[in-house]
Amino acid sequence: MSDPMQQPVCYQDLKASIQHYVHHIWQETWDEQILNKLHSIHPSTSHWAALPVRRHDIRLIRIHIGHARFTHRHLLLGENAPECPSLKWGLGVNGHVEGTGENLSFASQAAR
């Protein structure tokens, strides 16, 4: 009887094994990226279903991670950051009032 370690290995088996290993390493690396905004909405490296129109896909991702014109307009125009009118605190990413963790409604901001 021959040694099983000397048997030829089918390349498809080897490829699947390597892909699994690489994906595992990638997921471990991604899990360490807790401050990454994209990680907060998609913590897994599994398949992400994309929209057929790339422009729409990008817009949805930007909204999810808080990169909207409302939150970044002041950076482009060299203005001060927007403030909550009642608290007089700056609004951060995703509409959170800086320093409180409270989330303001974008609907109330859009109504102005």
PDB file of N, CA and C in Angstrom:
ATOM      1  N   MET A   1       0.850  -1.173   0.000  1.00  0.00           N
ATOM      2  CA  MET A   1       0.000   0.000   0.000  1.00  0.00           C
ATOM      3  C   MET A   1       0.896   1.236   0.000  1.00  0.00           C
ATOM      4  N   SER A   2       0.512   2.225  -0.796  1.00  0.00           N
ATOM      5  CA  SER A   2       1.354   3.407  -0.913  1.00  0.00           C
ATOM      6  C   SER A   2       1.003   4.437   0.158  1.00  0.00           C
ATOM      7  N   ASP A   3       1.916   5.316   0.368  1.00  0.00           N
ATOM      8  CA  ASP A   3       1.746   6.383   1.359  1.00  0.00           C
ATOM      9  C   ASP A   3       0.715   7.395   0.839  1.00  0.00           C
ATOM     10  N   PRO A   4      -0.347   7.713   1.618  1.00  0.00           N
ATOM     11  CA  PRO A   4      -1.361   8.663   1.145  1.00  0.00           C
ATOM     12  C   PRO A   4      -0.792  10.057   0.876  1.00  0.00           C
ATOM     13  N   MET A   5       0.295  10.405   1.519  1.00  0.00           N
ATOM     14  CA  MET A   5       0.894  11.721   1.304  1.00  0.00           C
ATOM     15  C   MET A   5       1.575  11.810  -0.057  1.00  0.00           C
ATOM     16  N   GLN A   6       1.790  10.679  -0.691  1.00  0.00           N
ATOM     17  CA  GLN A   6       2.443  10.656  -1.991  1.00  0.00           C
ATOM     18  C   GLN A   6       1.438  10.612  -3.142  1.00  0.00           C
ATOM     19  N   GLN A   7       0.156  10.561  -2.823  1.00  0.00           N
ATOM     20  CA  GLN A   7      -0.880  10.511  -3.846  1.00  0.00           C
ATOM     21  C   GLN A   7      -1.019  11.884  -4.506  1.00  0.00           C
ATOM     22  N   PRO A   8      -1.290  11.904  -5.795  1.00  0.00           N
ATOM     23  CA  PRO A   8      -1.492  13.198  -6.453  1.00  0.00           C
ATOM     24  C   PRO A   8      -2.770  13.875  -5.948  1.00  0.00           C
ATOM     25  N   VAL A   9      -2.738  15.192  -5.915  1.00  0.00           N
ATOM     26  CA  VAL A   9      -3.880  15.972  -5.448  1.00  0.00           C
ATOM     27  C   VAL A   9      -4.494  16.685  -6.652  1.00  0.00           C
ATOM     28  N   CYS A  10      -5.785  16.600  -6.745  1.00  0.00           N
ATOM     29  CA  CYS A  10      -6.501  17.280  -7.820  1.00  0.00           C
ATOM     30  C   CYS A  10      -6.375  18.793  -7.605  1.00  0.00           C
ATOM     31  N   TYR A  11      -6.069  19.526  -8.669  1.00  0.00           N
ATOM     32  CA  TYR A  11      -5.871  20.970  -8.526  1.00  0.00           C
ATOM     33  C   TYR A  11      -7.130  21.678  -8.036  1.00  0.00           C
ATOM     34  N   GLN A  12      -8.316  21.143  -8.349  1.00  0.00           N
ATOM     35  CA  GLN A  12      -9.554  21.774  -7.892  1.00  0.00           C
ATOM     36  C   GLN A  12      -9.684  21.682  -6.374  1.00  0.00           C
ATOM     37  N   ASP A  13      -9.249  20.557  -5.798  1.00  0.00           N
ATOM     38  CA  ASP A  13      -9.269  20.428  -4.342  1.00  0.00           C
ATOM     39  C   ASP A  13      -8.288  21.403  -3.705  1.00  0.00           C
ATOM     40  N   LEU A  14      -7.130  21.513  -4.314  1.00  0.00           N
ATOM     41  CA  LEU A  14      -6.105  22.415  -3.804  1.00  0.00           C
ATOM     42  C   LEU A  14      -6.566  23.876  -3.924  1.00  0.00           C
ATOM     43  N   LYS A  15      -7.177  24.207  -5.046  1.00  0.00           N
ATOM     44  CA  LYS A  15      -7.662  25.569  -5.263  1.00  0.00           C
ATOM     45  C   LYS A  15      -8.718  25.943  -4.224  1.00  0.00           C
ATOM     46  N   ALA A  16      -9.657  25.047  -3.956  1.00  0.00           N
ATOM     47  CA  ALA A  16     -10.705  25.316  -2.969  1.00  0.00           C
ATOM     48  C   ALA A  16     -10.104  25.520  -1.586  1.00  0.00           C
ATOM     49  N   SER A  17      -9.110  24.721  -1.262  1.00  0.00           N
ATOM     50  CA  SER A  17      -8.446  24.827   0.038  1.00  0.00           C
ATOM     51  C   SER A  17      -7.732  26.174   0.175  1.00  0.00           C
ATOM     52  N   ILE A  18      -7.046  26.568  -0.867  1.00  0.00           N
ATOM     53  CA  ILE A  18      -6.314  27.836  -0.844  1.00  0.00           C
ATOM     54  C   ILE A  18      -7.290  29.006  -0.763  1.00  0.00           C
ATOM     55  N   GLN A  19      -8.387  28.954  -1.528  1.00  0.00           N
ATOM     56  CA  GLN A  19      -9.382  30.025  -1.479  1.00  0.00           C
ATOM     57  C   GLN A  19      -9.985  30.152  -0.084  1.00  0.00           C
ATOM     58  N   HIS A  20     -10.278  29.035   0.535  1.00  0.00           N
ATOM     59  CA  HIS A  20     -10.836  29.057   1.884  1.00  0.00           C
ATOM     60  C   HIS A  20      -9.843  29.692   2.859  1.00  0.00           C
ATOM     61  N   TYR A  21      -8.581  29.316   2.756  1.00  0.00           N
ATOM     62  CA  TYR A  21      -7.552  29.853   3.641  1.00  0.00           C
ATOM     63  C   TYR A  21      -7.389  31.366   3.439  1.00  0.00           C
ATOM     64  N   VAL A  22      -7.317  31.805   2.184  1.00  0.00           N
ATOM     65  CA  VAL A  22      -7.144  33.229   1.889  1.00  0.00           C
ATOM     66  C   VAL A  22      -8.346  34.026   2.397  1.00  0.00           C
ATOM     67  N   HIS A  23      -9.559  33.502   2.197  1.00  0.00           N
ATOM     68  CA  HIS A  23     -10.755  34.200   2.672  1.00  0.00           C
ATOM     69  C   HIS A  23     -10.748  34.293   4.195  1.00  0.00           C
ATOM     70  N   HIS A  24     -10.297  33.240   4.858  1.00  0.00           N
ATOM     71  CA  HIS A  24     -10.222  33.247   6.320  1.00  0.00           C
ATOM     72  C   HIS A  24      -9.255  34.333   6.806  1.00  0.00           C
ATOM     73  N   ILE A  25      -8.094  34.444   6.176  1.00  0.00           N
ATOM     74  CA  ILE A  25      -7.106  35.472   6.541  1.00  0.00           C
ATOM     75  C   ILE A  25      -7.678  36.869   6.267  1.00  0.00           C
ATOM     76  N   TRP A  26      -8.349  37.027   5.131  1.00  0.00           N
ATOM     77  CA  TRP A  26      -8.953  38.306   4.773  1.00  0.00           C
ATOM     78  C   TRP A  26     -10.008  38.702   5.803  1.00  0.00           C
ATOM     79  N   GLN A  27     -10.844  37.751   6.236  1.00  0.00           N
ATOM     80  CA  GLN A  27     -11.881  38.049   7.226  1.00  0.00           C
ATOM     81  C   GLN A  27     -11.250  38.447   8.561  1.00  0.00           C
ATOM     82  N   GLU A  28     -10.179  37.762   8.961  1.00  0.00           N
ATOM     83  CA  GLU A  28      -9.500  38.122  10.213  1.00  0.00           C
ATOM     84  C   GLU A  28      -8.952  39.549  10.143  1.00  0.00           C
ATOM     85  N   THR A  29      -8.369  39.903   9.009  1.00  0.00           N
ATOM     86  CA  THR A  29      -7.837  41.256   8.827  1.00  0.00           C
ATOM     87  C   THR A  29      -8.967  42.277   8.843  1.00  0.00           C
ATOM     88  N   TRP A  30     -10.072  41.959   8.175  1.00  0.00           N
ATOM     89  CA  TRP A  30     -11.227  42.864   8.125  1.00  0.00           C
ATOM     90  C   TRP A  30     -11.838  43.040   9.508  1.00  0.00           C
ATOM     91  N   ASP A  31     -11.867  41.985  10.320  1.00  0.00           N
ATOM     92  CA  ASP A  31     -12.426  42.061  11.667  1.00  0.00           C
ATOM     93  C   ASP A  31     -11.652  43.033  12.557  1.00  0.00           C
ATOM     94  N   GLU A  32     -10.390  43.268  12.243  1.00  0.00           N
ATOM     95  CA  GLU A  32      -9.573  44.198  13.023  1.00  0.00           C
ATOM     96  C   GLU A  32      -9.854  45.660  12.650  1.00  0.00           C
ATOM     97  N   GLN A  33     -10.563  45.891  11.564  1.00  0.00           N
ATOM     98  CA  GLN A  33     -10.824  47.246  11.060  1.00  0.00           C
ATOM     99  C   GLN A  33     -12.099  47.826  11.663  1.00  0.00           C
ATOM    100  N   ILE A  34     -12.173  47.878  12.981  1.00  0.00           N
ATOM    101  CA  ILE A  34     -13.416  48.300  13.632  1.00  0.00           C
ATOM    102  C   ILE A  34     -13.710  49.786  13.437  1.00  0.00           C
ATOM    103  N   LEU A  35     -12.727  50.595  13.127  1.00  0.00           N
ATOM    104  CA  LEU A  35     -12.956  52.022  12.914  1.00  0.00           C
ATOM    105  C   LEU A  35     -13.289  52.345  11.459  1.00  0.00           C
ATOM    106  N   ASN A  36     -13.226  51.361  10.596  1.00  0.00           N
ATOM    107  CA  ASN A  36     -13.546  51.544   9.189  1.00  0.00           C
ATOM    108  C   ASN A  36     -15.052  51.719   9.038  1.00  0.00           C
ATOM    109  N   LYS A  37     -15.487  52.774   8.367  1.00  0.00           N
ATOM    110  CA  LYS A  37     -16.922  53.055   8.244  1.00  0.00           C
ATOM    111  C   LYS A  37     -17.644  51.978   7.454  1.00  0.00           C
ATOM    112  N   LEU A  38     -17.001  51.433   6.449  1.00  0.00           N
ATOM    113  CA  LEU A  38     -17.632  50.381   5.662  1.00  0.00           C
ATOM    114  C   LEU A  38     -17.791  49.108   6.484  1.00  0.00           C
ATOM    115  N   HIS A  39     -16.854  48.847   7.396  1.00  0.00           N
ATOM    116  CA  HIS A  39     -16.943  47.662   8.260  1.00  0.00           C
ATOM    117  C   HIS A  39     -18.195  47.719   9.125  1.00  0.00           C
ATOM    118  N   SER A  40     -18.593  48.922   9.522  1.00  0.00           N
ATOM    119  CA  SER A  40     -19.760  49.039  10.393  1.00  0.00           C
ATOM    120  C   SER A  40     -21.055  48.637   9.695  1.00  0.00           C
ATOM    121  N   ILE A  41     -21.116  48.748   8.360  1.00  0.00           N
ATOM    122  CA  ILE A  41     -22.342  48.346   7.666  1.00  0.00           C
ATOM    123  C   ILE A  41     -22.215  46.996   6.980  1.00  0.00           C
ATOM    124  N   HIS A  42     -21.002  46.507   6.803  1.00  0.00           N
ATOM    125  CA  HIS A  42     -20.807  45.190   6.185  1.00  0.00           C
ATOM    126  C   HIS A  42     -19.623  44.497   6.859  1.00  0.00           C
ATOM    127  N   PRO A  43     -19.853  43.893   8.037  1.00  0.00           N
ATOM    128  CA  PRO A  43     -18.750  43.314   8.798  1.00  0.00           C
ATOM    129  C   PRO A  43     -18.203  42.007   8.231  1.00  0.00           C
ATOM    130  N   SER A  44     -18.829  41.470   7.214  1.00  0.00           N
ATOM    131  CA  SER A  44     -18.380  40.202   6.647  1.00  0.00           C
ATOM    132  C   SER A  44     -17.725  40.432   5.291  1.00  0.00           C
ATOM    133  N   THR A  45     -16.737  39.604   4.959  1.00  0.00           N
ATOM    134  CA  THR A  45     -16.100  39.695   3.648  1.00  0.00           C
ATOM    135  C   THR A  45     -16.809  38.813   2.634  1.00  0.00           C
ATOM    136  N   SER A  46     -17.958  38.297   3.005  1.00  0.00           N
ATOM    137  CA  SER A  46     -18.721  37.478   2.060  1.00  0.00           C
ATOM    138  C   SER A  46     -19.214  38.344   0.903  1.00  0.00           C
ATOM    139  N   HIS A  47     -19.806  37.714  -0.071  1.00  0.00           N
ATOM    140  CA  HIS A  47     -20.255  38.407  -1.284  1.00  0.00           C
ATOM    141  C   HIS A  47     -21.182  39.575  -0.954  1.00  0.00           C
ATOM    142  N   TRP A  48     -20.951  40.687  -1.589  1.00  0.00           N
ATOM    143  CA  TRP A  48     -21.783  41.866  -1.433  1.00  0.00           C
ATOM    144  C   TRP A  48     -22.518  42.058  -2.759  1.00  0.00           C
ATOM    145  N   ALA A  49     -23.816  41.908  -2.723  1.00  0.00           N
ATOM    146  CA  ALA A  49     -24.602  42.061  -3.948  1.00  0.00           C
ATOM    147  C   ALA A  49     -24.577  43.521  -4.383  1.00  0.00           C
ATOM    148  N   ALA A  50     -24.073  43.763  -5.565  1.00  0.00           N
ATOM    149  CA  ALA A  50     -23.967  45.125  -6.082  1.00  0.00           C
ATOM    150  C   ALA A  50     -25.135  45.415  -7.020  1.00  0.00           C
ATOM    151  N   LEU A  51     -25.488  46.671  -7.080  1.00  0.00           N
ATOM    152  CA  LEU A  51     -26.527  47.095  -8.013  1.00  0.00           C
ATOM    153  C   LEU A  51     -25.952  47.091  -9.426  1.00  0.00           C
ATOM    154  N   PRO A  52     -26.789  46.888 -10.432  1.00  0.00           N
ATOM    155  CA  PRO A  52     -26.274  46.840 -11.800  1.00  0.00           C
ATOM    156  C   PRO A  52     -25.689  48.171 -12.274  1.00  0.00           C
ATOM    157  N   VAL A  53     -26.149  49.274 -11.710  1.00  0.00           N
ATOM    158  CA  VAL A  53     -25.615  50.587 -12.089  1.00  0.00           C
ATOM    159  C   VAL A  53     -24.665  51.031 -10.980  1.00  0.00           C
ATOM    160  N   ARG A  54     -23.390  51.101 -11.302  1.00  0.00           N
ATOM    161  CA  ARG A  54     -22.348  51.406 -10.316  1.00  0.00           C
ATOM    162  C   ARG A  54     -22.611  52.736  -9.601  1.00  0.00           C
ATOM    163  N   ARG A  55     -23.090  53.730 -10.317  1.00  0.00           N
ATOM    164  CA  ARG A  55     -23.339  55.044  -9.722  1.00  0.00           C
ATOM    165  C   ARG A  55     -24.353  54.946  -8.575  1.00  0.00           C
ATOM    166  N   HIS A  56     -25.410  54.148  -8.771  1.00  0.00           N
ATOM    167  CA  HIS A  56     -26.418  53.974  -7.721  1.00  0.00           C
ATOM    168  C   HIS A  56     -25.830  53.233  -6.523  1.00  0.00           C
ATOM    169  N   ASP A  57     -25.000  52.246  -6.805  1.00  0.00           N
ATOM    170  CA  ASP A  57     -24.354  51.476  -5.746  1.00  0.00           C
ATOM    171  C   ASP A  57     -23.473  52.387  -4.888  1.00  0.00           C
ATOM    172  N   ILE A  58     -22.709  53.243  -5.522  1.00  0.00           N
ATOM    173  CA  ILE A  58     -21.830  54.169  -4.800  1.00  0.00           C
ATOM    174  C   ILE A  58     -22.647  55.125  -3.940  1.00  0.00           C
ATOM    175  N   ARG A  59     -23.745  55.624  -4.477  1.00  0.00           N
ATOM    176  CA  ARG A  59     -24.586  56.547  -3.707  1.00  0.00           C
ATOM    177  C   ARG A  59     -25.136  55.887  -2.453  1.00  0.00           C
ATOM    178  N   LEU A  60     -25.609  54.652  -2.579  1.00  0.00           N
ATOM    179  CA  LEU A  60     -26.139  53.952  -1.408  1.00  0.00           C
ATOM    180  C   LEU A  60     -25.058  53.711  -0.359  1.00  0.00           C
ATOM    181  N   ILE A  61     -23.876  53.324  -0.794  1.00  0.00           N
ATOM    182  CA  ILE A  61     -22.779  53.086   0.152  1.00  0.00           C
ATOM    183  C   ILE A  61     -22.405  54.384   0.858  1.00  0.00           C
ATOM    184  N   ARG A  62     -22.318  55.481   0.118  1.00  0.00           N
ATOM    185  CA  ARG A  62     -21.975  56.770   0.726  1.00  0.00           C
ATOM    186  C   ARG A  62     -23.010  57.189   1.760  1.00  0.00           C
ATOM    187  N   ILE A  63     -24.277  56.923   1.490  1.00  0.00           N
ATOM    188  CA  ILE A  63     -25.321  57.243   2.465  1.00  0.00           C
ATOM    189  C   ILE A  63     -25.157  56.381   3.708  1.00  0.00           C
ATOM    190  N   HIS A  64     -24.884  55.094   3.513  1.00  0.00           N
ATOM    191  CA  HIS A  64     -24.723  54.175   4.649  1.00  0.00           C
ATOM    192  C   HIS A  64     -23.586  54.604   5.571  1.00  0.00           C
ATOM    193  N   ILE A  65     -22.466  55.041   4.995  1.00  0.00           N
ATOM    194  CA  ILE A  65     -21.308  55.363   5.833  1.00  0.00           C
ATOM    195  C   ILE A  65     -21.270  56.827   6.250  1.00  0.00           C
ATOM    196  N   GLY A  66     -22.273  57.601   5.852  1.00  0.00           N
ATOM    197  CA  GLY A  66     -22.355  58.982   6.311  1.00  0.00           C
ATOM    198  C   GLY A  66     -21.601  59.980   5.468  1.00  0.00           C
ATOM    199  N   HIS A  67     -21.222  59.611   4.266  1.00  0.00           N
ATOM    200  CA  HIS A  67     -20.546  60.550   3.375  1.00  0.00           C
ATOM    201  C   HIS A  67     -21.585  61.186   2.468  1.00  0.00           C
ATOM    202  N   ALA A  68     -22.326  62.095   3.014  1.00  0.00           N
ATOM    203  CA  ALA A  68     -23.373  62.771   2.255  1.00  0.00           C
ATOM    204  C   ALA A  68     -23.021  64.244   2.122  1.00  0.00           C
ATOM    205  N   ARG A  69     -23.659  64.897   1.199  1.00  0.00           N
ATOM    206  CA  ARG A  69     -23.413  66.327   1.020  1.00  0.00           C
ATOM    207  C   ARG A  69     -23.715  67.088   2.309  1.00  0.00           C
ATOM    208  N   PHE A  70     -24.732  66.646   3.046  1.00  0.00           N
ATOM    209  CA  PHE A  70     -25.100  67.314   4.297  1.00  0.00           C
ATOM    210  C   PHE A  70     -23.954  67.287   5.305  1.00  0.00           C
ATOM    211  N   THR A  71     -23.242  66.168   5.405  1.00  0.00           N
ATOM    212  CA  THR A  71     -22.196  66.042   6.417  1.00  0.00           C
ATOM    213  C   THR A  71     -20.832  66.540   5.943  1.00  0.00           C
ATOM    214  N   HIS A  72     -20.630  66.691   4.625  1.00  0.00           N
ATOM    215  CA  HIS A  72     -19.308  67.056   4.127  1.00  0.00           C
ATOM    216  C   HIS A  72     -19.268  68.348   3.304  1.00  0.00           C
ATOM    217  N   ARG A  73     -20.399  68.982   3.106  1.00  0.00           N
ATOM    218  CA  ARG A  73     -20.460  70.197   2.302  1.00  0.00           C
ATOM    219  C   ARG A  73     -19.542  71.280   2.862  1.00  0.00           C
ATOM    220  N   HIS A  74     -19.535  71.427   4.166  1.00  0.00           N
ATOM    221  CA  HIS A  74     -18.721  72.478   4.791  1.00  0.00           C
ATOM    222  C   HIS A  74     -17.229  72.280   4.525  1.00  0.00           C
ATOM    223  N   LEU A  75     -16.791  71.037   4.372  1.00  0.00           N
ATOM    224  CA  LEU A  75     -15.381  70.777   4.081  1.00  0.00           C
ATOM    225  C   LEU A  75     -15.023  71.253   2.672  1.00  0.00           C
ATOM    226  N   LEU A  76     -15.926  71.029   1.734  1.00  0.00           N
ATOM    227  CA  LEU A  76     -15.675  71.427   0.352  1.00  0.00           C
ATOM    228  C   LEU A  76     -15.722  72.940   0.167  1.00  0.00           C
ATOM    229  N   LEU A  77     -16.565  73.605   0.939  1.00  0.00           N
ATOM    230  CA  LEU A  77     -16.740  75.053   0.786  1.00  0.00           C
ATOM    231  C   LEU A  77     -15.929  75.873   1.782  1.00  0.00           C
ATOM    232  N   GLY A  78     -15.201  75.205   2.675  1.00  0.00           N
ATOM    233  CA  GLY A  78     -14.391  75.920   3.657  1.00  0.00           C
ATOM    234  C   GLY A  78     -15.209  76.620   4.724  1.00  0.00           C
ATOM    235  N   GLU A  79     -16.380  76.088   5.024  1.00  0.00           N
ATOM    236  CA  GLU A  79     -17.255  76.682   6.035  1.00  0.00           C
ATOM    237  C   GLU A  79     -17.126  75.932   7.353  1.00  0.00           C
ATOM    238  N   ASN A  80     -17.783  76.466   8.381  1.00  0.00           N
ATOM    239  CA  ASN A  80     -17.836  75.769   9.665  1.00  0.00           C
ATOM    240  C   ASN A  80     -18.795  74.588   9.557  1.00  0.00           C
ATOM    241  N   ALA A  81     -18.588  73.600  10.412  1.00  0.00           N
ATOM    242  CA  ALA A  81     -19.455  72.423  10.413  1.00  0.00           C
ATOM    243  C   ALA A  81     -20.868  72.815  10.829  1.00  0.00           C
ATOM    244  N   PRO A  82     -21.900  72.138  10.296  1.00  0.00           N
ATOM    245  CA  PRO A  82     -23.275  72.467  10.690  1.00  0.00           C
ATOM    246  C   PRO A  82     -23.502  72.159  12.160  1.00  0.00           C
ATOM    247  N   GLU A  83     -24.365  72.944  12.783  1.00  0.00           N
ATOM    248  CA  GLU A  83     -24.659  72.764  14.203  1.00  0.00           C
ATOM    249  C   GLU A  83     -26.114  72.397  14.397  1.00  0.00           C
ATOM    250  N   CYS A  84     -26.360  71.682  15.478  1.00  0.00           N
ATOM    251  CA  CYS A  84     -27.729  71.422  15.897  1.00  0.00           C
ATOM    252  C   CYS A  84     -28.273  72.750  16.410  1.00  0.00           C
ATOM    253  N   PRO A  85     -29.405  73.229  15.873  1.00  0.00           N
ATOM    254  CA  PRO A  85     -29.902  74.546  16.282  1.00  0.00           C
ATOM    255  C   PRO A  85     -30.263  74.642  17.761  1.00  0.00           C
ATOM    256  N   SER A  86     -30.734  73.560  18.348  1.00  0.00           N
ATOM    257  CA  SER A  86     -31.150  73.645  19.751  1.00  0.00           C
ATOM    258  C   SER A  86     -29.986  73.429  20.711  1.00  0.00           C
ATOM    259  N   LEU A  87     -29.035  72.565  20.358  1.00  0.00           N
ATOM    260  CA  LEU A  87     -27.926  72.261  21.266  1.00  0.00           C
ATOM    261  C   LEU A  87     -26.675  73.073  20.978  1.00  0.00           C
ATOM    262  N   LYS A  88     -26.597  73.652  19.786  1.00  0.00           N
ATOM    263  CA  LYS A  88     -25.431  74.428  19.348  1.00  0.00           C
ATOM    264  C   LYS A  88     -24.157  73.588  19.326  1.00  0.00           C
ATOM    265  N   TRP A  89     -24.315  72.287  19.029  1.00  0.00           N
ATOM    266  CA  TRP A  89     -23.164  71.397  18.872  1.00  0.00           C
ATOM    267  C   TRP A  89     -23.069  70.993  17.425  1.00  0.00           C
ATOM    268  N   GLY A  90     -21.845  70.732  16.977  1.00  0.00           N
ATOM    269  CA  GLY A  90     -21.641  70.334  15.592  1.00  0.00           C
ATOM    270  C   GLY A  90     -22.211  68.950  15.308  1.00  0.00           C
ATOM    271  N   LEU A  91     -22.690  68.799  14.084  1.00  0.00           N
ATOM    272  CA  LEU A  91     -23.183  67.494  13.655  1.00  0.00           C
ATOM    273  C   LEU A  91     -22.038  66.722  13.030  1.00  0.00           C
ATOM    274  N   GLY A  92     -21.875  65.490  13.452  1.00  0.00           N
ATOM    275  CA  GLY A  92     -20.824  64.648  12.908  1.00  0.00           C
ATOM    276  C   GLY A  92     -21.364  63.719  11.840  1.00  0.00           C
ATOM    277  N   VAL A  93     -20.588  62.711  11.548  1.00  0.00           N
ATOM    278  CA  VAL A  93     -20.964  61.728  10.544  1.00  0.00           C
ATOM    279  C   VAL A  93     -22.224  61.003  10.994  1.00  0.00           C
ATOM    280  N   ASN A  94     -23.096  60.671  10.062  1.00  0.00           N
ATOM    281  CA  ASN A  94     -24.367  59.973  10.292  1.00  0.00           C
ATOM    282  C   ASN A  94     -25.343  60.802  11.106  1.00  0.00           C
ATOM    283  N   GLY A  95     -25.150  62.121  11.183  1.00  0.00           N
ATOM    284  CA  GLY A  95     -26.103  62.976  11.871  1.00  0.00           C
ATOM    285  C   GLY A  95     -26.013  62.925  13.375  1.00  0.00           C
ATOM    286  N   HIS A  96     -24.959  62.339  13.936  1.00  0.00           N
ATOM    287  CA  HIS A  96     -24.813  62.295  15.386  1.00  0.00           C
ATOM    288  C   HIS A  96     -24.325  63.644  15.895  1.00  0.00           C
ATOM    289  N   VAL A  97     -24.875  64.053  17.003  1.00  0.00           N
ATOM    290  CA  VAL A  97     -24.423  65.283  17.631  1.00  0.00           C
ATOM    291  C   VAL A  97     -23.124  64.955  18.344  1.00  0.00           C
ATOM    292  N   GLU A  98     -22.077  65.662  17.988  1.00  0.00           N
ATOM    293  CA  GLU A  98     -20.765  65.368  18.558  1.00  0.00           C
ATOM    294  C   GLU A  98     -20.789  65.529  20.066  1.00  0.00           C
ATOM    295  N   GLY A  99     -20.294  64.530  20.763  1.00  0.00           N
ATOM    296  CA  GLY A  99     -20.191  64.583  22.208  1.00  0.00           C
ATOM    297  C   GLY A  99     -21.365  63.967  22.944  1.00  0.00           C
ATOM    298  N   THR A 100     -22.438  63.581  22.233  1.00  0.00           N
ATOM    299  CA  THR A 100     -23.599  63.039  22.935  1.00  0.00           C
ATOM    300  C   THR A 100     -23.967  61.634  22.513  1.00  0.00           C
ATOM    301  N   GLY A 101     -23.705  61.265  21.267  1.00  0.00           N
ATOM    302  CA  GLY A 101     -24.141  59.970  20.761  1.00  0.00           C
ATOM    303  C   GLY A 101     -25.589  59.987  20.306  1.00  0.00           C
ATOM    304  N   GLU A 102     -26.277  61.140  20.475  1.00  0.00           N
ATOM    305  CA  GLU A 102     -27.664  61.241  20.022  1.00  0.00           C
ATOM    306  C   GLU A 102     -27.693  61.412  18.515  1.00  0.00           C
ATOM    307  N   ASN A 103     -28.724  60.872  17.898  1.00  0.00           N
ATOM    308  CA  ASN A 103     -28.852  60.954  16.455  1.00  0.00           C
ATOM    309  C   ASN A 103     -30.020  61.859  16.099  1.00  0.00           C
ATOM    310  N   LEU A 104     -29.738  62.871  15.296  1.00  0.00           N
ATOM    311  CA  LEU A 104     -30.796  63.773  14.852  1.00  0.00           C
ATOM    312  C   LEU A 104     -31.396  63.253  13.564  1.00  0.00           C
ATOM    313  N   SER A 105     -32.633  63.554  13.364  1.00  0.00           N
ATOM    314  CA  SER A 105     -33.334  63.118  12.157  1.00  0.00           C
ATOM    315  C   SER A 105     -32.924  63.986  10.978  1.00  0.00           C
ATOM    316  N   PHE A 106     -32.570  63.339   9.861  1.00  0.00           N
ATOM    317  CA  PHE A 106     -32.248  64.096   8.662  1.00  0.00           C
ATOM    318  C   PHE A 106     -33.494  64.771   8.110  1.00  0.00           C
ATOM    319  N   ALA A 107     -34.663  64.219   8.416  1.00  0.00           N
ATOM    320  CA  ALA A 107     -35.906  64.814   7.930  1.00  0.00           C
ATOM    321  C   ALA A 107     -36.082  66.219   8.492  1.00  0.00           C
ATOM    322  N   SER A 108     -35.737  66.408   9.762  1.00  0.00           N
ATOM    323  CA  SER A 108     -35.885  67.736  10.356  1.00  0.00           C
ATOM    324  C   SER A 108     -34.878  68.707   9.752  1.00  0.00           C
ATOM    325  N   GLN A 109     -33.705  68.206   9.374  1.00  0.00           N
ATOM    326  CA  GLN A 109     -32.697  69.062   8.759  1.00  0.00           C
ATOM    327  C   GLN A 109     -33.089  69.409   7.331  1.00  0.00           C
ATOM    328  N   ALA A 110     -33.698  68.455   6.631  1.00  0.00           N
ATOM    329  CA  ALA A 110     -34.087  68.685   5.245  1.00  0.00           C
ATOM    330  C   ALA A 110     -35.256  69.658   5.158  1.00  0.00           C
ATOM    331  N   ALA A 111     -36.049  69.737   6.214  1.00  0.00           N
ATOM    332  CA  ALA A 111     -37.213  70.617   6.214  1.00  0.00           C
ATOM    333  C   ALA A 111     -36.808  72.084   6.267  1.00  0.00           C
ATOM    334  N   ARG A 112     -35.581  72.361   6.728  1.00  0.00           N
ATOM    335  CA  ARG A 112     -35.132  73.753   6.833  1.00  0.00           C
ATOM    336  C   ARG A 112     -34.806  74.327   5.488  1.00  0.00           C
TER     337      ARG A 112
END
